[in-house]
Structure formats: structure tokens, C-alpha cells
Amino acid sequence: MISLKRALNNDRVMRAISGLSPSEFNHLAKSFGQEIEIEGLIRYEKEFEQGNRERKPGGGRIGNLSSVAEKMFLILTYFKCYPTLDVLGLLFDLDGSNACRNVQKLTPILEQCGEETA
């Protein structure tokens, strides 16, 4: 499995896999985390109104990508290296279909962060 902590300790590796320096990554992670939180609240309210919500926010299983930084690392790795979803899943200890769901979910959030910083 790929290690975010190890990549953050090596500028060259971090740039090679994500396209960002460790300081740029940490700066972007703050706005990415805010966008994930906003997206989660919007999704919760929508599902609550539709009657489809079974748990409160934060309930349920914790996935393999437990932190915002790990989620951002996955999506940046995907766009920088462009591996197949099965390879991306292998790198991040996910099933290929789960990697696909993460890419679909995280791409608009990353785009939103890019619009705000531009």
C-alpha cells in the first residue's frame, strides 16, 4: 500500500506521485477538507428530505481512506499518474469498484477547490 506519510517526507516522491510539493499538498488539503464537509452536509440534507437516510452523519463503517488527506492523495495520484482503477485500488488497499466510486465522488470536490484557488 502507498504511504502518504512517507511521500510527505520526500519532496521528490510527493511531486512525482501527486504533482504537488508537501507544503502545497497541505495547503490544498485544508480547502479540500472544507469542500468534503460541505458536500457531506448537502448529501445528508438531501437524503434526509427524501427519507433515505438510515444513520446520522459519521455513522457507519470507516473506510480504508479515513482522512481527508488520504482521499485527496488518492485523487491527485489518479490524475497525475492515471493508473487503471484496479491498480489505483491496489495502491490504496481498495477494490477496483471502490476506487472508481472514490474517483467519481472526489473529482468534483477537487475541481471545486481548484476554482476557489484560481
PDB file of N, CA and C in Angstrom:
ATOM      1  N   MET A   1       0.839  -1.183   0.000  1.00  0.00           N
ATOM      2  CA  MET A   1       0.000   0.000   0.000  1.00  0.00           C
ATOM      3  C   MET A   1       0.883   1.245   0.000  1.00  0.00           C
ATOM      4  N   ILE A   2       0.432   2.239  -0.682  1.00  0.00           N
ATOM      5  CA  ILE A   2       1.159   3.500  -0.795  1.00  0.00           C
ATOM      6  C   ILE A   2       1.042   4.279   0.524  1.00  0.00           C
ATOM      7  N   SER A   3       2.087   4.978   0.896  1.00  0.00           N
ATOM      8  CA  SER A   3       2.119   5.666   2.184  1.00  0.00           C
ATOM      9  C   SER A   3       2.163   7.182   1.995  1.00  0.00           C
ATOM     10  N   LEU A   4       1.096   7.845   2.412  1.00  0.00           N
ATOM     11  CA  LEU A   4       1.052   9.300   2.351  1.00  0.00           C
ATOM     12  C   LEU A   4       2.123   9.901   3.247  1.00  0.00           C
ATOM     13  N   LYS A   5       2.287   9.351   4.430  1.00  0.00           N
ATOM     14  CA  LYS A   5       3.276   9.880   5.377  1.00  0.00           C
ATOM     15  C   LYS A   5       4.681   9.837   4.770  1.00  0.00           C
ATOM     16  N   ARG A   6       5.002   8.735   4.145  1.00  0.00           N
ATOM     17  CA  ARG A   6       6.327   8.598   3.526  1.00  0.00           C
ATOM     18  C   ARG A   6       6.494   9.575   2.364  1.00  0.00           C
ATOM     19  N   ALA A   7       5.444   9.741   1.565  1.00  0.00           N
ATOM     20  CA  ALA A   7       5.512  10.668   0.432  1.00  0.00           C
ATOM     21  C   ALA A   7       5.676  12.108   0.907  1.00  0.00           C
ATOM     22  N   LEU A   8       4.976  12.468   1.989  1.00  0.00           N
ATOM     23  CA  LEU A   8       5.078  13.835   2.509  1.00  0.00           C
ATOM     24  C   LEU A   8       6.473  14.153   3.041  1.00  0.00           C
ATOM     25  N   ASN A   9       7.229  13.131   3.385  1.00  0.00           N
ATOM     26  CA  ASN A   9       8.592  13.336   3.891  1.00  0.00           C
ATOM     27  C   ASN A   9       9.635  13.413   2.785  1.00  0.00           C
ATOM     28  N   ASN A  10       9.216  13.249   1.533  1.00  0.00           N
ATOM     29  CA  ASN A  10      10.152  13.264   0.413  1.00  0.00           C
ATOM     30  C   ASN A  10       9.571  14.136  -0.699  1.00  0.00           C
ATOM     31  N   ASP A  11      10.102  15.331  -0.851  1.00  0.00           N
ATOM     32  CA  ASP A  11       9.570  16.294  -1.822  1.00  0.00           C
ATOM     33  C   ASP A  11       9.537  15.712  -3.235  1.00  0.00           C
ATOM     34  N   ARG A  12      10.595  15.035  -3.618  1.00  0.00           N
ATOM     35  CA  ARG A  12      10.690  14.489  -4.975  1.00  0.00           C
ATOM     36  C   ARG A  12       9.612  13.436  -5.233  1.00  0.00           C
ATOM     37  N   VAL A  13       9.424  12.541  -4.279  1.00  0.00           N
ATOM     38  CA  VAL A  13       8.409  11.497  -4.421  1.00  0.00           C
ATOM     39  C   VAL A  13       7.006  12.114  -4.437  1.00  0.00           C
ATOM     40  N   MET A  14       6.787  13.086  -3.558  1.00  0.00           N
ATOM     41  CA  MET A  14       5.472  13.730  -3.484  1.00  0.00           C
ATOM     42  C   MET A  14       5.123  14.405  -4.805  1.00  0.00           C
ATOM     43  N   ARG A  15       6.083  15.098  -5.388  1.00  0.00           N
ATOM     44  CA  ARG A  15       5.840  15.748  -6.681  1.00  0.00           C
ATOM     45  C   ARG A  15       5.618  14.710  -7.782  1.00  0.00           C
ATOM     46  N   ALA A  16       6.345  13.610  -7.718  1.00  0.00           N
ATOM     47  CA  ALA A  16       6.227  12.582  -8.751  1.00  0.00           C
ATOM     48  C   ALA A  16       4.858  11.906  -8.727  1.00  0.00           C
ATOM     49  N   ILE A  17       4.297  11.731  -7.545  1.00  0.00           N
ATOM     50  CA  ILE A  17       3.045  10.989  -7.453  1.00  0.00           C
ATOM     51  C   ILE A  17       1.799  11.865  -7.423  1.00  0.00           C
ATOM     52  N   SER A  18       1.941  13.107  -6.918  1.00  0.00           N
ATOM     53  CA  SER A  18       0.752  13.960  -6.818  1.00  0.00           C
ATOM     54  C   SER A  18       0.845  15.242  -7.631  1.00  0.00           C
ATOM     55  N   GLY A  19       2.059  15.625  -8.017  1.00  0.00           N
ATOM     56  CA  GLY A  19       2.241  16.865  -8.746  1.00  0.00           C
ATOM     57  C   GLY A  19       2.372  18.082  -7.840  1.00  0.00           C
ATOM     58  N   LEU A  20       2.342  17.885  -6.533  1.00  0.00           N
ATOM     59  CA  LEU A  20       2.432  18.983  -5.575  1.00  0.00           C
ATOM     60  C   LEU A  20       3.581  18.755  -4.601  1.00  0.00           C
ATOM     61  N   SER A  21       4.124  19.850  -4.091  1.00  0.00           N
ATOM     62  CA  SER A  21       5.103  19.736  -3.016  1.00  0.00           C
ATOM     63  C   SER A  21       4.337  19.429  -1.729  1.00  0.00           C
ATOM     64  N   PRO A  22       5.011  18.951  -0.700  1.00  0.00           N
ATOM     65  CA  PRO A  22       4.311  18.697   0.568  1.00  0.00           C
ATOM     66  C   PRO A  22       3.600  19.929   1.123  1.00  0.00           C
ATOM     67  N   SER A  23       4.214  21.112   1.018  1.00  0.00           N
ATOM     68  CA  SER A  23       3.553  22.317   1.543  1.00  0.00           C
ATOM     69  C   SER A  23       2.325  22.680   0.699  1.00  0.00           C
ATOM     70  N   GLU A  24       2.411  22.524  -0.619  1.00  0.00           N
ATOM     71  CA  GLU A  24       1.254  22.776  -1.484  1.00  0.00           C
ATOM     72  C   GLU A  24       0.137  21.779  -1.187  1.00  0.00           C
ATOM     73  N   PHE A  25       0.520  20.530  -0.963  1.00  0.00           N
ATOM     74  CA  PHE A  25      -0.455  19.493  -0.638  1.00  0.00           C
ATOM     75  C   PHE A  25      -1.195  19.840   0.653  1.00  0.00           C
ATOM     76  N   ASN A  26      -0.445  20.209   1.687  1.00  0.00           N
ATOM     77  CA  ASN A  26      -1.068  20.543   2.974  1.00  0.00           C
ATOM     78  C   ASN A  26      -1.971  21.764   2.866  1.00  0.00           C
ATOM     79  N   HIS A  27      -1.582  22.740   2.066  1.00  0.00           N
ATOM     80  CA  HIS A  27      -2.406  23.932   1.864  1.00  0.00           C
ATOM     81  C   HIS A  27      -3.719  23.562   1.164  1.00  0.00           C
ATOM     82  N   LEU A  28      -3.629  22.765   0.098  1.00  0.00           N
ATOM     83  CA  LEU A  28      -4.820  22.347  -0.640  1.00  0.00           C
ATOM     84  C   LEU A  28      -5.710  21.446   0.207  1.00  0.00           C
ATOM     85  N   ALA A  29      -5.110  20.658   1.079  1.00  0.00           N
ATOM     86  CA  ALA A  29      -5.884  19.731   1.922  1.00  0.00           C
ATOM     87  C   ALA A  29      -6.875  20.469   2.818  1.00  0.00           C
ATOM     88  N   LYS A  30      -6.535  21.668   3.230  1.00  0.00           N
ATOM     89  CA  LYS A  30      -7.451  22.445   4.082  1.00  0.00           C
ATOM     90  C   LYS A  30      -8.734  22.779   3.339  1.00  0.00           C
ATOM     91  N   SER A  31      -8.621  23.334   2.126  1.00  0.00           N
ATOM     92  CA  SER A  31      -9.831  23.677   1.374  1.00  0.00           C
ATOM     93  C   SER A  31     -10.547  22.420   0.882  1.00  0.00           C
ATOM     94  N   PHE A  32      -9.791  21.360   0.578  1.00  0.00           N
ATOM     95  CA  PHE A  32     -10.401  20.099   0.165  1.00  0.00           C
ATOM     96  C   PHE A  32     -11.247  19.528   1.300  1.00  0.00           C
ATOM     97  N   GLY A  33     -10.734  19.596   2.526  1.00  0.00           N
ATOM     98  CA  GLY A  33     -11.478  19.118   3.688  1.00  0.00           C
ATOM     99  C   GLY A  33     -12.758  19.901   3.908  1.00  0.00           C
ATOM    100  N   GLN A  34     -12.703  21.217   3.713  1.00  0.00           N
ATOM    101  CA  GLN A  34     -13.894  22.041   3.850  1.00  0.00           C
ATOM    102  C   GLN A  34     -14.930  21.670   2.795  1.00  0.00           C
ATOM    103  N   GLU A  35     -14.482  21.437   1.575  1.00  0.00           N
ATOM    104  CA  GLU A  35     -15.404  21.069   0.497  1.00  0.00           C
ATOM    105  C   GLU A  35     -16.031  19.696   0.743  1.00  0.00           C
ATOM    106  N   ILE A  36     -15.259  18.752   1.269  1.00  0.00           N
ATOM    107  CA  ILE A  36     -15.809  17.435   1.585  1.00  0.00           C
ATOM    108  C   ILE A  36     -16.881  17.563   2.665  1.00  0.00           C
ATOM    109  N   GLU A  37     -16.625  18.396   3.653  1.00  0.00           N
ATOM    110  CA  GLU A  37     -17.594  18.594   4.729  1.00  0.00           C
ATOM    111  C   GLU A  37     -18.885  19.212   4.193  1.00  0.00           C
ATOM    112  N   ILE A  38     -18.771  20.216   3.349  1.00  0.00           N
ATOM    113  CA  ILE A  38     -19.943  20.856   2.746  1.00  0.00           C
ATOM    114  C   ILE A  38     -20.721  19.856   1.906  1.00  0.00           C
ATOM    115  N   GLU A  39     -20.003  19.068   1.102  1.00  0.00           N
ATOM    116  CA  GLU A  39     -20.657  18.069   0.249  1.00  0.00           C
ATOM    117  C   GLU A  39     -21.395  17.044   1.090  1.00  0.00           C
ATOM    118  N   GLY A  40     -20.796  16.631   2.205  1.00  0.00           N
ATOM    119  CA  GLY A  40     -21.434  15.660   3.090  1.00  0.00           C
ATOM    120  C   GLY A  40     -22.710  16.201   3.720  1.00  0.00           C
ATOM    121  N   LEU A  41     -22.688  17.456   4.120  1.00  0.00           N
ATOM    122  CA  LEU A  41     -23.886  18.067   4.703  1.00  0.00           C
ATOM    123  C   LEU A  41     -25.000  18.207   3.678  1.00  0.00           C
ATOM    124  N   ILE A  42     -24.645  18.611   2.479  1.00  0.00           N
ATOM    125  CA  ILE A  42     -25.638  18.732   1.409  1.00  0.00           C
ATOM    126  C   ILE A  42     -26.255  17.375   1.100  1.00  0.00           C
ATOM    127  N   ARG A  43     -25.415  16.343   0.994  1.00  0.00           N
ATOM    128  CA  ARG A  43     -25.898  14.990   0.713  1.00  0.00           C
ATOM    129  C   ARG A  43     -26.803  14.496   1.840  1.00  0.00           C
ATOM    130  N   TYR A  44     -26.418  14.773   3.096  1.00  0.00           N
ATOM    131  CA  TYR A  44     -27.225  14.354   4.246  1.00  0.00           C
ATOM    132  C   TYR A  44     -28.602  15.010   4.206  1.00  0.00           C
ATOM    133  N   GLU A  45     -28.638  16.324   3.989  1.00  0.00           N
ATOM    134  CA  GLU A  45     -29.922  17.032   3.958  1.00  0.00           C
ATOM    135  C   GLU A  45     -30.808  16.517   2.837  1.00  0.00           C
ATOM    136  N   LYS A  46     -30.218  16.273   1.679  1.00  0.00           N
ATOM    137  CA  LYS A  46     -30.985  15.772   0.530  1.00  0.00           C
ATOM    138  C   LYS A  46     -31.563  14.385   0.835  1.00  0.00           C
ATOM    139  N   GLU A  47     -30.738  13.488   1.359  1.00  0.00           N
ATOM    140  CA  GLU A  47     -31.195  12.130   1.665  1.00  0.00           C
ATOM    141  C   GLU A  47     -32.193  12.128   2.823  1.00  0.00           C
ATOM    142  N   PHE A  48     -32.027  13.038   3.790  1.00  0.00           N
ATOM    143  CA  PHE A  48     -32.948  13.134   4.910  1.00  0.00           C
ATOM    144  C   PHE A  48     -34.330  13.559   4.423  1.00  0.00           C
ATOM    145  N   GLU A  49     -34.367  14.549   3.533  1.00  0.00           N
ATOM    146  CA  GLU A  49     -35.633  15.024   2.974  1.00  0.00           C
ATOM    147  C   GLU A  49     -36.333  13.931   2.181  1.00  0.00           C
ATOM    148  N   GLN A  50     -35.572  13.096   1.508  1.00  0.00           N
ATOM    149  CA  GLN A  50     -36.141  12.020   0.699  1.00  0.00           C
ATOM    150  C   GLN A  50     -36.517  10.809   1.544  1.00  0.00           C
ATOM    151  N   GLY A  51     -36.108  10.806   2.806  1.00  0.00           N
ATOM    152  CA  GLY A  51     -36.396   9.676   3.684  1.00  0.00           C
ATOM    153  C   GLY A  51     -35.484   8.485   3.473  1.00  0.00           C
ATOM    154  N   ASN A  52     -34.349   8.699   2.824  1.00  0.00           N
ATOM    155  CA  ASN A  52     -33.421   7.610   2.510  1.00  0.00           C
ATOM    156  C   ASN A  52     -32.293   7.479   3.518  1.00  0.00           C
ATOM    157  N   ARG A  53     -32.281   8.314   4.535  1.00  0.00           N
ATOM    158  CA  ARG A  53     -31.158   8.339   5.478  1.00  0.00           C
ATOM    159  C   ARG A  53     -31.412   7.372   6.618  1.00  0.00           C
ATOM    160  N   GLU A  54     -30.468   6.449   6.858  1.00  0.00           N
ATOM    161  CA  GLU A  54     -30.593   5.494   7.947  1.00  0.00           C
ATOM    162  C   GLU A  54     -29.746   5.876   9.157  1.00  0.00           C
ATOM    163  N   ARG A  55     -28.659   6.596   8.936  1.00  0.00           N
ATOM    164  CA  ARG A  55     -27.739   6.951  10.018  1.00  0.00           C
ATOM    165  C   ARG A  55     -27.482   8.446  10.037  1.00  0.00           C
ATOM    166  N   LYS A  56     -27.042   8.914  11.188  1.00  0.00           N
ATOM    167  CA  LYS A  56     -26.609  10.305  11.301  1.00  0.00           C
ATOM    168  C   LYS A  56     -25.238  10.434  10.645  1.00  0.00           C
ATOM    169  N   PRO A  57     -24.841  11.651  10.278  1.00  0.00           N
ATOM    170  CA  PRO A  57     -23.505  11.820   9.690  1.00  0.00           C
ATOM    171  C   PRO A  57     -22.431  11.271  10.626  1.00  0.00           C
ATOM    172  N   GLY A  58     -21.491  10.558  10.054  1.00  0.00           N
ATOM    173  CA  GLY A  58     -20.414   9.962  10.843  1.00  0.00           C
ATOM    174  C   GLY A  58     -20.707   8.542  11.272  1.00  0.00           C
ATOM    175  N   GLY A  59     -21.949   8.115  11.096  1.00  0.00           N
ATOM    176  CA  GLY A  59     -22.302   6.737  11.449  1.00  0.00           C
ATOM    177  C   GLY A  59     -21.884   5.783  10.348  1.00  0.00           C
ATOM    178  N   GLY A  60     -21.821   4.531  10.673  1.00  0.00           N
ATOM    179  CA  GLY A  60     -21.461   3.523   9.673  1.00  0.00           C
ATOM    180  C   GLY A  60     -19.984   3.195   9.696  1.00  0.00           C
ATOM    181  N   ARG A  61     -19.614   2.407   8.719  1.00  0.00           N
ATOM    182  CA  ARG A  61     -18.254   1.894   8.642  1.00  0.00           C
ATOM    183  C   ARG A  61     -17.272   2.976   8.237  1.00  0.00           C
ATOM    184  N   ILE A  62     -16.076   2.923   8.808  1.00  0.00           N
ATOM    185  CA  ILE A  62     -14.990   3.829   8.422  1.00  0.00           C
ATOM    186  C   ILE A  62     -14.229   3.129   7.299  1.00  0.00           C
ATOM    187  N   GLY A  63     -14.067   3.798   6.195  1.00  0.00           N
ATOM    188  CA  GLY A  63     -13.407   3.197   5.046  1.00  0.00           C
ATOM    189  C   GLY A  63     -11.895   3.155   5.193  1.00  0.00           C
ATOM    190  N   ASN A  64     -11.252   2.575   4.196  1.00  0.00           N
ATOM    191  CA  ASN A  64      -9.788   2.484   4.193  1.00  0.00           C
ATOM    192  C   ASN A  64      -9.145   3.860   4.085  1.00  0.00           C
ATOM    193  N   LEU A  65      -9.836   4.795   3.463  1.00  0.00           N
ATOM    194  CA  LEU A  65      -9.330   6.167   3.352  1.00  0.00           C
ATOM    195  C   LEU A  65     -10.007   6.977   4.449  1.00  0.00           C
ATOM    196  N   SER A  66      -9.425   6.939   5.627  1.00  0.00           N
ATOM    197  CA  SER A  66     -10.095   7.524   6.781  1.00  0.00           C
ATOM    198  C   SER A  66      -9.891   9.028   6.912  1.00  0.00           C
ATOM    199  N   SER A  67      -8.844   9.582   6.324  1.00  0.00           N
ATOM    200  CA  SER A  67      -8.594  11.014   6.475  1.00  0.00           C
ATOM    201  C   SER A  67      -8.824  11.747   5.156  1.00  0.00           C
ATOM    202  N   VAL A  68      -9.063  13.023   5.276  1.00  0.00           N
ATOM    203  CA  VAL A  68      -9.230  13.886   4.110  1.00  0.00           C
ATOM    204  C   VAL A  68      -7.955  13.877   3.272  1.00  0.00           C
ATOM    205  N   ALA A  69      -6.811  13.911   3.922  1.00  0.00           N
ATOM    206  CA  ALA A  69      -5.530  13.922   3.206  1.00  0.00           C
ATOM    207  C   ALA A  69      -5.358  12.654   2.367  1.00  0.00           C
ATOM    208  N   GLU A  70      -5.765  11.502   2.892  1.00  0.00           N
ATOM    209  CA  GLU A  70      -5.655  10.254   2.132  1.00  0.00           C
ATOM    210  C   GLU A  70      -6.580  10.274   0.916  1.00  0.00           C
ATOM    211  N   LYS A  71      -7.766  10.830   1.081  1.00  0.00           N
ATOM    212  CA  LYS A  71      -8.699  10.928  -0.045  1.00  0.00           C
ATOM    213  C   LYS A  71      -8.140  11.847  -1.124  1.00  0.00           C
ATOM    214  N   MET A  72      -7.578  12.968  -0.702  1.00  0.00           N
ATOM    215  CA  MET A  72      -7.005  13.891  -1.669  1.00  0.00           C
ATOM    216  C   MET A  72      -5.779  13.276  -2.348  1.00  0.00           C
ATOM    217  N   PHE A  73      -4.988  12.544  -1.590  1.00  0.00           N
ATOM    218  CA  PHE A  73      -3.818  11.862  -2.147  1.00  0.00           C
ATOM    219  C   PHE A  73      -4.247  10.868  -3.219  1.00  0.00           C
ATOM    220  N   LEU A  74      -5.339  10.141  -2.987  1.00  0.00           N
ATOM    221  CA  LEU A  74      -5.848   9.189  -3.974  1.00  0.00           C
ATOM    222  C   LEU A  74      -6.226   9.897  -5.263  1.00  0.00           C
ATOM    223  N   ILE A  75      -6.998  10.962  -5.166  1.00  0.00           N
ATOM    224  CA  ILE A  75      -7.484  11.612  -6.381  1.00  0.00           C
ATOM    225  C   ILE A  75      -6.349  12.322  -7.123  1.00  0.00           C
ATOM    226  N   LEU A  76      -5.399  12.900  -6.397  1.00  0.00           N
ATOM    227  CA  LEU A  76      -4.253  13.529  -7.054  1.00  0.00           C
ATOM    228  C   LEU A  76      -3.362  12.483  -7.727  1.00  0.00           C
ATOM    229  N   THR A  77      -3.185  11.349  -7.077  1.00  0.00           N
ATOM    230  CA  THR A  77      -2.413  10.253  -7.671  1.00  0.00           C
ATOM    231  C   THR A  77      -3.075   9.768  -8.946  1.00  0.00           C
ATOM    232  N   TYR A  78      -4.391   9.663  -8.911  1.00  0.00           N
ATOM    233  CA  TYR A  78      -5.140   9.220 -10.089  1.00  0.00           C
ATOM    234  C   TYR A  78      -4.902  10.165 -11.262  1.00  0.00           C
ATOM    235  N   PHE A  79      -5.024  11.466 -11.033  1.00  0.00           N
ATOM    236  CA  PHE A  79      -4.877  12.413 -12.132  1.00  0.00           C
ATOM    237  C   PHE A  79      -3.427  12.620 -12.559  1.00  0.00           C
ATOM    238  N   LYS A  80      -2.486  12.469 -11.661  1.00  0.00           N
ATOM    239  CA  LYS A  80      -1.069  12.651 -12.028  1.00  0.00           C
ATOM    240  C   LYS A  80      -0.529  11.424 -12.760  1.00  0.00           C
ATOM    241  N   CYS A  81      -0.809  10.243 -12.240  1.00  0.00           N
ATOM    242  CA  CYS A  81      -0.227   9.012 -12.789  1.00  0.00           C
ATOM    243  C   CYS A  81      -1.172   8.277 -13.741  1.00  0.00           C
ATOM    244  N   TYR A  82      -2.466   8.522 -13.608  1.00  0.00           N
ATOM    245  CA  TYR A  82      -3.531   7.918 -14.400  1.00  0.00           C
ATOM    246  C   TYR A  82      -3.436   6.393 -14.482  1.00  0.00           C
ATOM    247  N   PRO A  83      -3.390   5.715 -13.323  1.00  0.00           N
ATOM    248  CA  PRO A  83      -3.395   4.251 -13.341  1.00  0.00           C
ATOM    249  C   PRO A  83      -4.808   3.733 -13.624  1.00  0.00           C
ATOM    250  N   THR A  84      -4.923   2.482 -13.993  1.00  0.00           N
ATOM    251  CA  THR A  84      -6.264   1.902 -14.097  1.00  0.00           C
ATOM    252  C   THR A  84      -6.873   1.889 -12.701  1.00  0.00           C
ATOM    253  N   LEU A  85      -8.182   1.748 -12.625  1.00  0.00           N
ATOM    254  CA  LEU A  85      -8.850   1.775 -11.325  1.00  0.00           C
ATOM    255  C   LEU A  85      -8.469   0.559 -10.488  1.00  0.00           C
ATOM    256  N   ASP A  86      -8.190  -0.557 -11.134  1.00  0.00           N
ATOM    257  CA  ASP A  86      -7.738  -1.734 -10.383  1.00  0.00           C
ATOM    258  C   ASP A  86      -6.368  -1.488  -9.760  1.00  0.00           C
ATOM    259  N   VAL A  87      -5.463  -0.839 -10.499  1.00  0.00           N
ATOM    260  CA  VAL A  87      -4.137  -0.523  -9.970  1.00  0.00           C
ATOM    261  C   VAL A  87      -4.259   0.524  -8.865  1.00  0.00           C
ATOM    262  N   LEU A  88      -5.100   1.528  -9.067  1.00  0.00           N
ATOM    263  CA  LEU A  88      -5.321   2.541  -8.033  1.00  0.00           C
ATOM    264  C   LEU A  88      -5.849   1.884  -6.762  1.00  0.00           C
ATOM    265  N   GLY A  89      -6.782   0.966  -6.927  1.00  0.00           N
ATOM    266  CA  GLY A  89      -7.308   0.234  -5.779  1.00  0.00           C
ATOM    267  C   GLY A  89      -6.224  -0.557  -5.064  1.00  0.00           C
ATOM    268  N   LEU A  90      -5.359  -1.192  -5.824  1.00  0.00           N
ATOM    269  CA  LEU A  90      -4.264  -1.956  -5.233  1.00  0.00           C
ATOM    270  C   LEU A  90      -3.325  -1.045  -4.452  1.00  0.00           C
ATOM    271  N   LEU A  91      -3.021   0.123  -4.999  1.00  0.00           N
ATOM    272  CA  LEU A  91      -2.130   1.063  -4.325  1.00  0.00           C
ATOM    273  C   LEU A  91      -2.701   1.573  -3.012  1.00  0.00           C
ATOM    274  N   PHE A  92      -4.023   1.727  -2.956  1.00  0.00           N
ATOM    275  CA  PHE A  92      -4.669   2.294  -1.777  1.00  0.00           C
ATOM    276  C   PHE A  92      -5.463   1.270  -0.974  1.00  0.00           C
ATOM    277  N   ASP A  93      -5.227  -0.007  -1.230  1.00  0.00           N
ATOM    278  CA  ASP A  93      -5.876  -1.097  -0.499  1.00  0.00           C
ATOM    279  C   ASP A  93      -7.397  -1.026  -0.613  1.00  0.00           C
ATOM    280  N   LEU A  94      -7.872  -0.845  -1.845  1.00  0.00           N
ATOM    281  CA  LEU A  94      -9.299  -0.786  -2.141  1.00  0.00           C
ATOM    282  C   LEU A  94      -9.611  -1.765  -3.263  1.00  0.00           C
ATOM    283  N   ASP A  95     -10.860  -2.122  -3.383  1.00  0.00           N
ATOM    284  CA  ASP A  95     -11.330  -2.868  -4.534  1.00  0.00           C
ATOM    285  C   ASP A  95     -11.400  -1.895  -5.712  1.00  0.00           C
ATOM    286  N   GLY A  96     -11.254  -2.388  -6.924  1.00  0.00           N
ATOM    287  CA  GLY A  96     -11.299  -1.518  -8.099  1.00  0.00           C
ATOM    288  C   GLY A  96     -12.599  -0.737  -8.204  1.00  0.00           C
ATOM    289  N   SER A  97     -13.727  -1.378  -7.847  1.00  0.00           N
ATOM    290  CA  SER A  97     -15.009  -0.675  -7.915  1.00  0.00           C
ATOM    291  C   SER A  97     -15.092   0.421  -6.855  1.00  0.00           C
ATOM    292  N   ASN A  98     -14.486   0.193  -5.699  1.00  0.00           N
ATOM    293  CA  ASN A  98     -14.454   1.203  -4.658  1.00  0.00           C
ATOM    294  C   ASN A  98     -13.562   2.368  -5.085  1.00  0.00           C
ATOM    295  N   ALA A  99     -12.454   2.066  -5.740  1.00  0.00           N
ATOM    296  CA  ALA A  99     -11.582   3.122  -6.265  1.00  0.00           C
ATOM    297  C   ALA A  99     -12.356   3.965  -7.278  1.00  0.00           C
ATOM    298  N   CYS A 100     -13.157   3.319  -8.103  1.00  0.00           N
ATOM    299  CA  CYS A 100     -13.973   4.022  -9.092  1.00  0.00           C
ATOM    300  C   CYS A 100     -14.967   4.958  -8.403  1.00  0.00           C
ATOM    301  N   ARG A 101     -15.652   4.472  -7.383  1.00  0.00           N
ATOM    302  CA  ARG A 101     -16.608   5.311  -6.649  1.00  0.00           C
ATOM    303  C   ARG A 101     -15.908   6.511  -6.012  1.00  0.00           C
ATOM    304  N   ASN A 102     -14.719   6.286  -5.473  1.00  0.00           N
ATOM    305  CA  ASN A 102     -13.968   7.383  -4.864  1.00  0.00           C
ATOM    306  C   ASN A 102     -13.563   8.420  -5.905  1.00  0.00           C
ATOM    307  N   VAL A 103     -13.125   7.983  -7.065  1.00  0.00           N
ATOM    308  CA  VAL A 103     -12.747   8.916  -8.133  1.00  0.00           C
ATOM    309  C   VAL A 103     -13.967   9.733  -8.559  1.00  0.00           C
ATOM    310  N   GLN A 104     -15.109   9.066  -8.731  1.00  0.00           N
ATOM    311  CA  GLN A 104     -16.321   9.772  -9.141  1.00  0.00           C
ATOM    312  C   GLN A 104     -16.788  10.768  -8.082  1.00  0.00           C
ATOM    313  N   LYS A 105     -16.648  10.418  -6.829  1.00  0.00           N
ATOM    314  CA  LYS A 105     -17.097  11.280  -5.737  1.00  0.00           C
ATOM    315  C   LYS A 105     -16.129  12.437  -5.496  1.00  0.00           C
ATOM    316  N   LEU A 106     -14.827  12.169  -5.565  1.00  0.00           N
ATOM    317  CA  LEU A 106     -13.826  13.163  -5.189  1.00  0.00           C
ATOM    318  C   LEU A 106     -13.447  14.128  -6.313  1.00  0.00           C
ATOM    319  N   THR A 107     -13.666  13.752  -7.562  1.00  0.00           N
ATOM    320  CA  THR A 107     -13.303  14.620  -8.685  1.00  0.00           C
ATOM    321  C   THR A 107     -14.009  15.970  -8.632  1.00  0.00           C
ATOM    322  N   PRO A 108     -15.342  16.018  -8.461  1.00  0.00           N
ATOM    323  CA  PRO A 108     -15.982  17.338  -8.409  1.00  0.00           C
ATOM    324  C   PRO A 108     -15.542  18.166  -7.201  1.00  0.00           C
ATOM    325  N   ILE A 109     -15.206  17.508  -6.110  1.00  0.00           N
ATOM    326  CA  ILE A 109     -14.738  18.227  -4.921  1.00  0.00           C
ATOM    327  C   ILE A 109     -13.380  18.863  -5.198  1.00  0.00           C
ATOM    328  N   LEU A 110     -12.484  18.121  -5.842  1.00  0.00           N
ATOM    329  CA  LEU A 110     -11.176  18.673  -6.201  1.00  0.00           C
ATOM    330  C   LEU A 110     -11.325  19.808  -7.207  1.00  0.00           C
ATOM    331  N   GLU A 111     -12.239  19.665  -8.166  1.00  0.00           N
ATOM    332  CA  GLU A 111     -12.487  20.727  -9.146  1.00  0.00           C
ATOM    333  C   GLU A 111     -12.970  21.989  -8.443  1.00  0.00           C
ATOM    334  N   GLN A 112     -13.834  21.824  -7.465  1.00  0.00           N
ATOM    335  CA  GLN A 112     -14.348  22.965  -6.696  1.00  0.00           C
ATOM    336  C   GLN A 112     -13.210  23.692  -5.984  1.00  0.00           C
ATOM    337  N   CYS A 113     -12.287  22.938  -5.422  1.00  0.00           N
ATOM    338  CA  CYS A 113     -11.125  23.543  -4.751  1.00  0.00           C
ATOM    339  C   CYS A 113     -10.265  24.308  -5.747  1.00  0.00           C
ATOM    340  N   GLY A 114     -10.116  23.783  -6.946  1.00  0.00           N
ATOM    341  CA  GLY A 114      -9.339  24.442  -7.974  1.00  0.00           C
ATOM    342  C   GLY A 114      -9.956  25.743  -8.423  1.00  0.00           C
ATOM    343  N   GLU A 115     -11.285  25.782  -8.485  1.00  0.00           N
ATOM    344  CA  GLU A 115     -11.980  27.010  -8.884  1.00  0.00           C
ATOM    345  C   GLU A 115     -11.799  28.094  -7.835  1.00  0.00           C
ATOM    346  N   GLU A 116     -11.761  27.694  -6.570  1.00  0.00           N
ATOM    347  CA  GLU A 116     -11.626  28.662  -5.494  1.00  0.00           C
ATOM    348  C   GLU A 116     -10.220  29.254  -5.428  1.00  0.00           C
ATOM    349  N   THR A 117      -9.204  28.442  -5.766  1.00  0.00           N
ATOM    350  CA  THR A 117      -7.823  28.922  -5.695  1.00  0.00           C
ATOM    351  C   THR A 117      -7.389  29.665  -6.943  1.00  0.00           C
ATOM    352  N   ALA A 118      -8.149  29.507  -8.023  1.00  0.00           N
ATOM    353  CA  ALA A 118      -7.784  30.159  -9.293  1.00  0.00           C
ATOM    354  C   ALA A 118      -8.153  31.621  -9.306  1.00  0.00           C
TER     355      ALA A 118
END
